[in-house]
Amino acid sequence: MGSYEVKRLDVAIQYINRMTSGRNPVTNRPAPDNEVLTNPNVHRCLQFISEVLQDVRSQGGIVGKPPGRSTEAKMSMAQTFPYEVLKEYRYIQDQQISYFLKQISELSAEEREVPAVPAVHINNWLREKGYLEKRMIPEFGKETSVPTEKGSRIGIYSEQAGVGSNLYYRIWFNEQAQRFLIDHFREILTETEEIRARKKQERRAHQGERKKTDRTQEQAQGQAHGQPQKQTQGMAQEQTQKRTQQKADRIDRTPGNQFDDPAFSSLLANLPDMDPYDPASGPADSFFGEGWETVGGDTPF
């Protein structure tokens, strides 16, 4: 169990959300030339970190279960957000979602802090409702979020940003779009929790199905290859034993012969199948050792 200062968590969440929007986390200025901030994999990672930090923030900075205490029901952001502060909202200019949410978090609430809402919550809800969509942009060579026709009608628009291989679209919200979000803020936060819970269940179900499929495939492969492999191994052992027996049968076992010794006969029977005089078995010196041909005669003995 551990705890973290709430104010530091708020700053960390703010920095993460700025980087998610492709901006310098300290100066809050656009950073279109920073390929790290505009990399889609980094972008998804930052969104995930933002969700984790927001969960920690919603529990007052406490991580872990206190020993010997029962777990209390977690209050969601949808339940704790001070919606009354939204009455103080005033349109300033067209903004990206992170700046709009920063403006919301800076509104004053009596005796309560206004939590920083992660931009991913709003974007997920907008995609779920059909105002945004992931679309493959051929000239970008990757998927990026863009407003749909439905989103354009409420005042969401996009503009190209980035350079080189890090091109993407920035999503902007005009006054109409910002007021739309204000009017639906409670609905957004409430349904965002449901969307996250459903997606988590879908991921778990997908992982379970994938593991089940992998096990089924492994079992099928084992059944398909196991029996022939056993048969092949059995046949190989049988052939080895047969060749050994044939060698033993060819050995001269007449009385007084040196091969009459059973131990010696067994040793000869287990010699490799190689004839030093057979060209197919390789040169004789590879069998008897180098220099045998210099002894003289037709044999190495």
C-alpha atoms as a PDB file:
ATOM      1  CA  MET A   1       0.000   0.000   0.000  1.00  0.00           C
ATOM      2  CA  GLY A   2       1.224   3.498  -0.832  1.00  0.00           C
ATOM      3  CA  SER A   3      -0.056   7.041  -1.240  1.00  0.00           C
ATOM      4  CA  TYR A   4       0.767   9.920  -3.550  1.00  0.00           C
ATOM      5  CA  GLU A   5       0.230  13.663  -3.231  1.00  0.00           C
ATOM      6  CA  VAL A   6      -2.913  14.651  -5.090  1.00  0.00           C
ATOM      7  CA  LYS A   7      -1.453  17.903  -6.445  1.00  0.00           C
ATOM      8  CA  ARG A   8       1.508  16.050  -7.953  1.00  0.00           C
ATOM      9  CA  LEU A   9      -0.883  13.576  -9.539  1.00  0.00           C
ATOM     10  CA  ASP A  10      -2.860  16.459 -11.046  1.00  0.00           C
ATOM     11  CA  VAL A  11       0.320  17.896 -12.579  1.00  0.00           C
ATOM     12  CA  ALA A  12       1.369  14.469 -13.888  1.00  0.00           C
ATOM     13  CA  ILE A  13      -2.052  13.935 -15.469  1.00  0.00           C
ATOM     14  CA  GLN A  14      -1.894  17.388 -17.027  1.00  0.00           C
ATOM     15  CA  TYR A  15       1.573  16.715 -18.469  1.00  0.00           C
ATOM     16  CA  ILE A  16       0.476  13.345 -19.859  1.00  0.00           C
ATOM     17  CA  ASN A  17      -2.618  14.871 -21.469  1.00  0.00           C
ATOM     18  CA  ARG A  18      -0.496  17.606 -23.063  1.00  0.00           C
ATOM     19  CA  MET A  19       1.906  15.047 -24.515  1.00  0.00           C
ATOM     20  CA  THR A  20      -1.069  12.990 -25.744  1.00  0.00           C
ATOM     21  CA  SER A  21      -2.109  16.052 -27.734  1.00  0.00           C
ATOM     22  CA  GLY A  22       1.388  16.355 -29.229  1.00  0.00           C
ATOM     23  CA  ARG A  23       2.403  19.354 -27.148  1.00  0.00           C
ATOM     24  CA  ASN A  24       5.363  20.199 -24.948  1.00  0.00           C
ATOM     25  CA  PRO A  25       4.269  19.112 -21.445  1.00  0.00           C
ATOM     26  CA  VAL A  26       6.017  22.044 -19.707  1.00  0.00           C
ATOM     27  CA  THR A  27       5.402  24.982 -22.030  1.00  0.00           C
ATOM     28  CA  ASN A  28       2.141  23.615 -23.473  1.00  0.00           C
ATOM     29  CA  ARG A  29       3.269  24.724 -26.912  1.00  0.00           C
ATOM     30  CA  PRO A  30       2.731  22.652 -30.075  1.00  0.00           C
ATOM     31  CA  ALA A  31       5.552  20.215 -30.797  1.00  0.00           C
ATOM     32  CA  PRO A  32       4.823  19.043 -34.377  1.00  0.00           C
ATOM     33  CA  ASP A  33       8.473  18.200 -35.105  1.00  0.00           C
ATOM     34  CA  ASN A  34       8.838  15.861 -32.118  1.00  0.00           C
ATOM     35  CA  GLU A  35       8.468  12.395 -33.595  1.00  0.00           C
ATOM     36  CA  VAL A  36       8.309  10.855 -30.114  1.00  0.00           C
ATOM     37  CA  LEU A  37       5.211  12.784 -29.089  1.00  0.00           C
ATOM     38  CA  THR A  38       3.493  12.182 -32.426  1.00  0.00           C
ATOM     39  CA  ASN A  39       4.312   8.463 -32.603  1.00  0.00           C
ATOM     40  CA  PRO A  40       0.975   6.541 -32.459  1.00  0.00           C
ATOM     41  CA  ASN A  41       2.376   3.847 -30.131  1.00  0.00           C
ATOM     42  CA  VAL A  42       3.633   6.488 -27.696  1.00  0.00           C
ATOM     43  CA  HIS A  43       0.289   8.244 -28.006  1.00  0.00           C
ATOM     44  CA  ARG A  44      -1.616   5.096 -26.971  1.00  0.00           C
ATOM     45  CA  CYS A  45       0.826   4.466 -24.122  1.00  0.00           C
ATOM     46  CA  LEU A  46       0.335   7.987 -22.815  1.00  0.00           C
ATOM     47  CA  GLN A  47      -3.434   7.542 -22.926  1.00  0.00           C
ATOM     48  CA  PHE A  48      -3.107   4.356 -20.887  1.00  0.00           C
ATOM     49  CA  ILE A  49      -0.852   6.073 -18.328  1.00  0.00           C
ATOM     50  CA  SER A  50      -3.349   8.905 -18.096  1.00  0.00           C
ATOM     51  CA  GLU A  51      -6.121   6.427 -17.252  1.00  0.00           C
ATOM     52  CA  VAL A  52      -3.987   4.762 -14.572  1.00  0.00           C
ATOM     53  CA  LEU A  53      -3.065   8.090 -12.974  1.00  0.00           C
ATOM     54  CA  GLN A  54      -6.686   9.198 -13.086  1.00  0.00           C
ATOM     55  CA  ASP A  55      -7.748   6.023 -11.277  1.00  0.00           C
ATOM     56  CA  VAL A  56      -5.121   6.695  -8.601  1.00  0.00           C
ATOM     57  CA  ARG A  57      -6.273  10.314  -8.387  1.00  0.00           C
ATOM     58  CA  SER A  58      -9.911   9.275  -7.959  1.00  0.00           C
ATOM     59  CA  GLN A  59      -8.891   7.299  -4.852  1.00  0.00           C
ATOM     60  CA  GLY A  60      -7.147  10.261  -3.274  1.00  0.00           C
ATOM     61  CA  GLY A  61      -3.705   9.098  -4.308  1.00  0.00           C
ATOM     62  CA  ILE A  62      -3.933   5.843  -2.339  1.00  0.00           C
ATOM     63  CA  VAL A  63      -2.699   2.683  -4.035  1.00  0.00           C
ATOM     64  CA  GLY A  64      -3.284  -0.798  -2.661  1.00  0.00           C
ATOM     65  CA  LYS A  65      -5.624  -2.321  -0.113  1.00  0.00           C
ATOM     66  CA  PRO A  66      -5.046  -1.478   3.557  1.00  0.00           C
ATOM     67  CA  PRO A  67      -4.308  -4.675   5.514  1.00  0.00           C
ATOM     68  CA  GLY A  68      -7.164  -5.950   7.660  1.00  0.00           C
ATOM     69  CA  ARG A  69      -9.745  -3.566   6.170  1.00  0.00           C
ATOM     70  CA  SER A  70     -12.654  -4.278   3.903  1.00  0.00           C
ATOM     71  CA  THR A  71     -12.565  -2.822   0.421  1.00  0.00           C
ATOM     72  CA  GLU A  72     -14.923   0.132   0.097  1.00  0.00           C
ATOM     73  CA  ALA A  73     -16.903   0.739  -3.056  1.00  0.00           C
ATOM     74  CA  LYS A  74     -14.945   2.958  -5.408  1.00  0.00           C
ATOM     75  CA  MET A  75     -16.620   6.215  -6.338  1.00  0.00           C
ATOM     76  CA  SER A  76     -16.391   6.889 -10.052  1.00  0.00           C
ATOM     77  CA  MET A  77     -15.609  10.276 -11.556  1.00  0.00           C
ATOM     78  CA  ALA A  78     -19.153  10.401 -12.894  1.00  0.00           C
ATOM     79  CA  GLN A  79     -20.394  10.289  -9.277  1.00  0.00           C
ATOM     80  CA  THR A  80     -17.918  12.734  -7.770  1.00  0.00           C
ATOM     81  CA  PHE A  81     -17.577  15.393 -10.482  1.00  0.00           C
ATOM     82  CA  PRO A  82     -18.955  18.811  -9.384  1.00  0.00           C
ATOM     83  CA  TYR A  83     -21.237  19.435 -12.362  1.00  0.00           C
ATOM     84  CA  GLU A  84     -22.399  22.761 -10.941  1.00  0.00           C
ATOM     85  CA  VAL A  85     -19.104  24.370 -12.033  1.00  0.00           C
ATOM     86  CA  LEU A  86     -20.063  23.898 -15.681  1.00  0.00           C
ATOM     87  CA  LYS A  87     -22.415  26.854 -15.328  1.00  0.00           C
ATOM     88  CA  GLU A  88     -19.327  29.081 -15.132  1.00  0.00           C
ATOM     89  CA  TYR A  89     -17.985  27.911 -18.493  1.00  0.00           C
ATOM     90  CA  ARG A  90     -17.408  30.659 -21.083  1.00  0.00           C
ATOM     91  CA  TYR A  91     -16.309  30.190 -24.665  1.00  0.00           C
ATOM     92  CA  ILE A  92     -12.834  31.628 -25.326  1.00  0.00           C
ATOM     93  CA  GLN A  93     -11.710  30.208 -28.680  1.00  0.00           C
ATOM     94  CA  ASP A  94     -11.722  27.049 -30.773  1.00  0.00           C
ATOM     95  CA  GLN A  95      -9.679  24.472 -28.871  1.00  0.00           C
ATOM     96  CA  GLN A  96      -8.382  20.941 -28.919  1.00  0.00           C
ATOM     97  CA  ILE A  97      -9.964  18.655 -26.363  1.00  0.00           C
ATOM     98  CA  SER A  98      -7.048  18.837 -23.896  1.00  0.00           C
ATOM     99  CA  TYR A  99      -7.277  22.650 -23.689  1.00  0.00           C
ATOM    100  CA  PHE A 100     -11.037  22.528 -23.348  1.00  0.00           C
ATOM    101  CA  LEU A 101     -10.717  20.079 -20.434  1.00  0.00           C
ATOM    102  CA  LYS A 102      -7.965  22.194 -18.863  1.00  0.00           C
ATOM    103  CA  GLN A 103     -10.345  25.155 -18.925  1.00  0.00           C
ATOM    104  CA  ILE A 104     -12.989  23.005 -17.214  1.00  0.00           C
ATOM    105  CA  SER A 105     -10.550  21.858 -14.507  1.00  0.00           C
ATOM    106  CA  GLU A 106      -9.696  25.481 -13.715  1.00  0.00           C
ATOM    107  CA  LEU A 107     -13.295  26.397 -12.919  1.00  0.00           C
ATOM    108  CA  SER A 108     -13.909  27.069  -9.224  1.00  0.00           C
ATOM    109  CA  ALA A 109     -16.008  24.794  -7.049  1.00  0.00           C
ATOM    110  CA  GLU A 110     -16.849  25.492  -3.425  1.00  0.00           C
ATOM    111  CA  GLU A 111     -14.942  23.210  -1.028  1.00  0.00           C
ATOM    112  CA  ARG A 112     -14.120  20.791  -3.844  1.00  0.00           C
ATOM    113  CA  GLU A 113     -11.438  20.481  -6.480  1.00  0.00           C
ATOM    114  CA  VAL A 114     -12.486  20.005 -10.074  1.00  0.00           C
ATOM    115  CA  PRO A 115     -10.775  16.790 -11.265  1.00  0.00           C
ATOM    116  CA  ALA A 116      -8.858  16.732 -14.525  1.00  0.00           C
ATOM    117  CA  VAL A 117     -10.864  14.627 -16.959  1.00  0.00           C
ATOM    118  CA  PRO A 118      -8.637  12.572 -19.299  1.00  0.00           C
ATOM    119  CA  ALA A 119      -9.051  13.473 -22.966  1.00  0.00           C
ATOM    120  CA  VAL A 120      -9.270   9.772 -23.799  1.00  0.00           C
ATOM    121  CA  HIS A 121     -12.606   9.605 -21.937  1.00  0.00           C
ATOM    122  CA  ILE A 122     -14.128  12.247 -24.185  1.00  0.00           C
ATOM    123  CA  ASN A 123     -12.606  10.818 -27.374  1.00  0.00           C
ATOM    124  CA  ASN A 124     -13.809   7.295 -26.577  1.00  0.00           C
ATOM    125  CA  TRP A 125     -17.322   8.564 -25.998  1.00  0.00           C
ATOM    126  CA  LEU A 126     -17.289  10.607 -29.226  1.00  0.00           C
ATOM    127  CA  ARG A 127     -16.140   7.541 -31.188  1.00  0.00           C
ATOM    128  CA  GLU A 128     -18.738   5.361 -29.478  1.00  0.00           C
ATOM    129  CA  LYS A 129     -21.483   7.828 -30.459  1.00  0.00           C
ATOM    130  CA  GLY A 130     -20.246   8.244 -34.029  1.00  0.00           C
ATOM    131  CA  TYR A 131     -18.837  11.781 -33.850  1.00  0.00           C
ATOM    132  CA  LEU A 132     -15.238  10.618 -34.376  1.00  0.00           C
ATOM    133  CA  GLU A 133     -13.813   7.593 -36.131  1.00  0.00           C
ATOM    134  CA  LYS A 134     -10.479   5.911 -36.779  1.00  0.00           C
ATOM    135  CA  ARG A 135      -9.737   6.132 -40.499  1.00  0.00           C
ATOM    136  CA  MET A 136      -6.804   4.894 -42.574  1.00  0.00           C
ATOM    137  CA  ILE A 137      -5.220   7.871 -44.336  1.00  0.00           C
ATOM    138  CA  PRO A 138      -3.183   6.578 -47.340  1.00  0.00           C
ATOM    139  CA  GLU A 139      -0.843   9.572 -47.487  1.00  0.00           C
ATOM    140  CA  PHE A 140      -0.124   9.129 -43.756  1.00  0.00           C
ATOM    141  CA  GLY A 141       0.264   5.378 -44.005  1.00  0.00           C
ATOM    142  CA  LYS A 142      -1.611   4.856 -40.736  1.00  0.00           C
ATOM    143  CA  GLU A 143      -4.931   5.242 -38.942  1.00  0.00           C
ATOM    144  CA  THR A 144      -5.828   8.523 -37.318  1.00  0.00           C
ATOM    145  CA  SER A 145      -8.903  10.011 -35.666  1.00  0.00           C
ATOM    146  CA  VAL A 146     -11.068  12.247 -37.827  1.00  0.00           C
ATOM    147  CA  PRO A 147     -14.535  13.761 -37.353  1.00  0.00           C
ATOM    148  CA  THR A 148     -17.419  12.036 -39.083  1.00  0.00           C
ATOM    149  CA  GLU A 149     -20.192  13.864 -40.912  1.00  0.00           C
ATOM    150  CA  LYS A 150     -22.189  13.671 -37.689  1.00  0.00           C
ATOM    151  CA  GLY A 151     -19.271  15.217 -35.796  1.00  0.00           C
ATOM    152  CA  SER A 152     -18.868  17.999 -38.345  1.00  0.00           C
ATOM    153  CA  ARG A 153     -22.504  18.973 -37.854  1.00  0.00           C
ATOM    154  CA  ILE A 154     -21.910  19.740 -34.169  1.00  0.00           C
ATOM    155  CA  GLY A 155     -18.752  21.777 -34.849  1.00  0.00           C
ATOM    156  CA  ILE A 156     -15.850  19.304 -34.754  1.00  0.00           C
ATOM    157  CA  TYR A 157     -13.239  19.799 -37.482  1.00  0.00           C
ATOM    158  CA  SER A 158      -9.649  18.746 -38.169  1.00  0.00           C
ATOM    159  CA  GLU A 159      -6.436  20.117 -39.636  1.00  0.00           C
ATOM    160  CA  GLN A 160      -3.290  18.345 -40.787  1.00  0.00           C
ATOM    161  CA  ALA A 161      -0.262  18.553 -38.500  1.00  0.00           C
ATOM    162  CA  GLY A 162       3.153  16.948 -38.066  1.00  0.00           C
ATOM    163  CA  VAL A 163       5.929  16.462 -40.589  1.00  0.00           C
ATOM    164  CA  GLY A 164       7.442  13.644 -42.613  1.00  0.00           C
ATOM    165  CA  SER A 165       6.309  10.214 -41.478  1.00  0.00           C
ATOM    166  CA  ASN A 166       4.540  11.681 -38.419  1.00  0.00           C
ATOM    167  CA  LEU A 167       1.641  13.356 -40.165  1.00  0.00           C
ATOM    168  CA  TYR A 168      -1.679  13.303 -38.326  1.00  0.00           C
ATOM    169  CA  TYR A 169      -4.843  15.335 -37.870  1.00  0.00           C
ATOM    170  CA  ARG A 170      -5.474  17.697 -34.978  1.00  0.00           C
ATOM    171  CA  ILE A 171      -9.098  17.668 -33.860  1.00  0.00           C
ATOM    172  CA  TRP A 172     -10.619  21.056 -33.045  1.00  0.00           C
ATOM    173  CA  PHE A 173     -13.865  21.993 -31.268  1.00  0.00           C
ATOM    174  CA  ASN A 174     -15.588  25.257 -32.094  1.00  0.00           C
ATOM    175  CA  GLU A 175     -18.006  27.013 -29.748  1.00  0.00           C
ATOM    176  CA  GLN A 176     -20.945  24.848 -30.811  1.00  0.00           C
ATOM    177  CA  ALA A 177     -18.956  21.644 -30.201  1.00  0.00           C
ATOM    178  CA  GLN A 178     -17.714  22.840 -26.802  1.00  0.00           C
ATOM    179  CA  ARG A 179     -21.196  23.716 -25.630  1.00  0.00           C
ATOM    180  CA  PHE A 180     -22.387  20.326 -26.873  1.00  0.00           C
ATOM    181  CA  LEU A 181     -19.822  18.667 -24.601  1.00  0.00           C
ATOM    182  CA  ILE A 182     -20.862  20.871 -21.655  1.00  0.00           C
ATOM    183  CA  ASP A 183     -24.520  19.906 -22.163  1.00  0.00           C
ATOM    184  CA  HIS A 184     -23.640  16.191 -22.270  1.00  0.00           C
ATOM    185  CA  PHE A 185     -20.870  16.164 -19.656  1.00  0.00           C
ATOM    186  CA  ARG A 186     -22.692  14.015 -17.084  1.00  0.00           C
ATOM    187  CA  GLU A 187     -23.782  11.608 -19.796  1.00  0.00           C
ATOM    188  CA  ILE A 188     -20.224  11.425 -21.158  1.00  0.00           C
ATOM    189  CA  LEU A 189     -18.633  10.611 -17.786  1.00  0.00           C
ATOM    190  CA  THR A 190     -21.324   8.095 -16.874  1.00  0.00           C
ATOM    191  CA  GLU A 191     -21.241   6.239 -20.177  1.00  0.00           C
ATOM    192  CA  THR A 192     -17.449   6.380 -20.351  1.00  0.00           C
ATOM    193  CA  GLU A 193     -17.288   4.129 -17.281  1.00  0.00           C
ATOM    194  CA  GLU A 194     -19.657   1.694 -18.984  1.00  0.00           C
ATOM    195  CA  ILE A 195     -17.638   1.796 -22.205  1.00  0.00           C
ATOM    196  CA  ARG A 196     -14.394   1.076 -20.348  1.00  0.00           C
ATOM    197  CA  ALA A 197     -15.978  -1.796 -18.387  1.00  0.00           C
ATOM    198  CA  ARG A 198     -17.413  -3.323 -21.563  1.00  0.00           C
ATOM    199  CA  LYS A 199     -14.133  -3.049 -23.457  1.00  0.00           C
ATOM    200  CA  LYS A 200     -12.266  -4.612 -20.538  1.00  0.00           C
ATOM    201  CA  GLN A 201     -14.664  -7.566 -20.588  1.00  0.00           C
ATOM    202  CA  GLU A 202     -14.303  -7.862 -24.355  1.00  0.00           C
ATOM    203  CA  ARG A 203     -10.501  -7.911 -24.057  1.00  0.00           C
ATOM    204  CA  ARG A 204     -10.648 -10.608 -21.393  1.00  0.00           C
ATOM    205  CA  ALA A 205     -13.096 -12.668 -23.454  1.00  0.00           C
ATOM    206  CA  HIS A 206     -10.919 -12.286 -26.538  1.00  0.00           C
ATOM    207  CA  GLN A 207      -7.817 -13.346 -24.617  1.00  0.00           C
ATOM    208  CA  GLY A 208      -9.687 -16.354 -23.233  1.00  0.00           C
ATOM    209  CA  GLU A 209     -10.884 -17.391 -26.700  1.00  0.00           C
ATOM    210  CA  ARG A 210      -7.391 -16.981 -28.117  1.00  0.00           C
ATOM    211  CA  LYS A 211      -5.871 -19.158 -25.385  1.00  0.00           C
ATOM    212  CA  LYS A 212      -8.584 -21.765 -25.928  1.00  0.00           C
ATOM    213  CA  THR A 213      -7.910 -21.771 -29.678  1.00  0.00           C
ATOM    214  CA  ASP A 214      -4.164 -22.111 -29.112  1.00  0.00           C
ATOM    215  CA  ARG A 215      -4.709 -25.096 -26.799  1.00  0.00           C
ATOM    216  CA  THR A 216      -7.049 -26.738 -29.310  1.00  0.00           C
ATOM    217  CA  GLN A 217      -4.537 -26.287 -32.106  1.00  0.00           C
ATOM    218  CA  GLU A 218      -1.721 -27.713 -29.973  1.00  0.00           C
ATOM    219  CA  GLN A 219      -3.839 -30.746 -29.105  1.00  0.00           C
ATOM    220  CA  ALA A 220      -4.797 -31.270 -32.764  1.00  0.00           C
ATOM    221  CA  GLN A 221      -1.173 -31.038 -33.845  1.00  0.00           C
ATOM    222  CA  GLY A 222      -0.169 -33.485 -31.128  1.00  0.00           C
ATOM    223  CA  GLN A 223      -2.814 -35.981 -32.250  1.00  0.00           C
ATOM    224  CA  ALA A 224      -1.898 -35.518 -35.909  1.00  0.00           C
ATOM    225  CA  HIS A 225       1.840 -35.957 -35.431  1.00  0.00           C
ATOM    226  CA  GLY A 226       2.090 -37.985 -32.251  1.00  0.00           C
ATOM    227  CA  GLN A 227       1.014 -41.417 -33.589  1.00  0.00           C
ATOM    228  CA  PRO A 228       3.067 -41.361 -36.829  1.00  0.00           C
ATOM    229  CA  GLN A 229       6.057 -40.184 -34.843  1.00  0.00           C
ATOM    230  CA  LYS A 230       5.690 -43.105 -32.440  1.00  0.00           C
ATOM    231  CA  GLN A 231       5.307 -45.503 -35.364  1.00  0.00           C
ATOM    232  CA  THR A 232       8.409 -44.065 -37.051  1.00  0.00           C
ATOM    233  CA  GLN A 233      10.449 -44.375 -33.864  1.00  0.00           C
ATOM    234  CA  GLY A 234       9.283 -47.982 -33.407  1.00  0.00           C
ATOM    235  CA  MET A 235      10.190 -48.897 -36.979  1.00  0.00           C
ATOM    236  CA  ALA A 236      13.636 -47.323 -36.601  1.00  0.00           C
ATOM    237  CA  GLN A 237      14.317 -49.302 -33.436  1.00  0.00           C
ATOM    238  CA  GLU A 238      13.109 -52.479 -35.110  1.00  0.00           C
ATOM    239  CA  GLN A 239      15.396 -51.954 -38.116  1.00  0.00           C
ATOM    240  CA  THR A 240      18.386 -51.267 -35.832  1.00  0.00           C
ATOM    241  CA  GLN A 241      17.799 -54.458 -33.913  1.00  0.00           C
ATOM    242  CA  LYS A 242      17.433 -56.411 -37.175  1.00  0.00           C
ATOM    243  CA  ARG A 243      20.737 -55.096 -38.558  1.00  0.00           C
ATOM    244  CA  THR A 244      22.497 -55.901 -35.279  1.00  0.00           C
ATOM    245  CA  GLN A 245      21.200 -59.443 -35.401  1.00  0.00           C
ATOM    246  CA  GLN A 246      22.294 -59.862 -39.025  1.00  0.00           C
ATOM    247  CA  LYS A 247      25.833 -58.786 -38.113  1.00  0.00           C
ATOM    248  CA  ALA A 248      25.917 -61.240 -35.243  1.00  0.00           C
ATOM    249  CA  ASP A 249      24.736 -64.053 -37.555  1.00  0.00           C
ATOM    250  CA  ARG A 250      27.582 -63.370 -39.991  1.00  0.00           C
ATOM    251  CA  ILE A 251      30.270 -63.790 -37.342  1.00  0.00           C
ATOM    252  CA  ASP A 252      32.228 -67.051 -37.466  1.00  0.00           C
ATOM    253  CA  ARG A 253      31.514 -68.893 -34.225  1.00  0.00           C
ATOM    254  CA  THR A 254      33.524 -72.120 -34.981  1.00  0.00           C
ATOM    255  CA  PRO A 255      35.256 -73.679 -31.914  1.00  0.00           C
ATOM    256  CA  GLY A 256      38.665 -72.166 -31.242  1.00  0.00           C
ATOM    257  CA  ASN A 257      37.955 -69.098 -33.315  1.00  0.00           C
ATOM    258  CA  GLN A 258      38.719 -65.758 -31.647  1.00  0.00           C
ATOM    259  CA  PHE A 259      35.169 -64.624 -32.491  1.00  0.00           C
ATOM    260  CA  ASP A 260      33.775 -67.336 -30.272  1.00  0.00           C
ATOM    261  CA  ASP A 261      33.973 -64.942 -27.343  1.00  0.00           C
ATOM    262  CA  PRO A 262      30.349 -63.601 -26.837  1.00  0.00           C
ATOM    263  CA  ALA A 263      31.530 -60.209 -25.543  1.00  0.00           C
ATOM    264  CA  PHE A 264      33.786 -59.670 -28.561  1.00  0.00           C
ATOM    265  CA  SER A 265      31.052 -60.830 -30.927  1.00  0.00           C
ATOM    266  CA  SER A 266      28.643 -58.316 -29.379  1.00  0.00           C
ATOM    267  CA  LEU A 267      31.210 -55.532 -29.843  1.00  0.00           C
ATOM    268  CA  LEU A 268      31.627 -56.363 -33.528  1.00  0.00           C
ATOM    269  CA  ALA A 269      27.884 -56.607 -34.024  1.00  0.00           C
ATOM    270  CA  ASN A 270      27.484 -53.014 -32.882  1.00  0.00           C
ATOM    271  CA  LEU A 271      30.116 -51.517 -35.201  1.00  0.00           C
ATOM    272  CA  PRO A 272      28.780 -48.912 -37.684  1.00  0.00           C
ATOM    273  CA  ASP A 273      27.508 -50.078 -41.070  1.00  0.00           C
ATOM    274  CA  MET A 274      30.593 -49.085 -43.065  1.00  0.00           C
ATOM    275  CA  ASP A 275      32.673 -51.065 -45.496  1.00  0.00           C
ATOM    276  CA  PRO A 276      36.201 -49.615 -45.838  1.00  0.00           C
ATOM    277  CA  TYR A 277      36.498 -51.014 -49.332  1.00  0.00           C
ATOM    278  CA  ASP A 278      33.178 -49.673 -50.529  1.00  0.00           C
ATOM    279  CA  PRO A 279      33.646 -46.292 -52.308  1.00  0.00           C
ATOM    280  CA  ALA A 280      30.139 -45.312 -51.211  1.00  0.00           C
ATOM    281  CA  SER A 281      31.277 -45.424 -47.599  1.00  0.00           C
ATOM    282  CA  GLY A 282      33.996 -42.839 -48.190  1.00  0.00           C
ATOM    283  CA  PRO A 283      37.776 -43.146 -48.414  1.00  0.00           C
ATOM    284  CA  ALA A 284      39.292 -45.923 -46.381  1.00  0.00           C
ATOM    285  CA  ASP A 285      41.570 -43.564 -44.479  1.00  0.00           C
ATOM    286  CA  SER A 286      38.501 -41.886 -42.973  1.00  0.00           C
ATOM    287  CA  PHE A 287      37.686 -45.206 -41.364  1.00  0.00           C
ATOM    288  CA  PHE A 288      41.117 -46.609 -40.456  1.00  0.00           C
ATOM    289  CA  GLY A 289      42.954 -43.366 -39.894  1.00  0.00           C
ATOM    290  CA  GLU A 290      45.461 -41.372 -41.892  1.00  0.00           C
ATOM    291  CA  GLY A 291      48.556 -43.044 -43.323  1.00  0.00           C
ATOM    292  CA  TRP A 292      47.285 -46.607 -43.685  1.00  0.00           C
ATOM    293  CA  GLU A 293      47.817 -46.600 -47.452  1.00  0.00           C
ATOM    294  CA  THR A 294      51.566 -46.170 -46.963  1.00  0.00           C
ATOM    295  CA  VAL A 295      51.891 -49.538 -45.257  1.00  0.00           C
ATOM    296  CA  GLY A 296      51.965 -51.284 -48.616  1.00  0.00           C
ATOM    297  CA  GLY A 297      49.811 -53.863 -50.301  1.00  0.00           C
ATOM    298  CA  ASP A 298      46.146 -53.661 -51.078  1.00  0.00           C
ATOM    299  CA  THR A 299      44.914 -53.669 -47.492  1.00  0.00           C
ATOM    300  CA  PRO A 300      45.596 -51.463 -44.502  1.00  0.00           C
ATOM    301  CA  PHE A 301      46.771 -54.360 -42.354  1.00  0.00           C
END
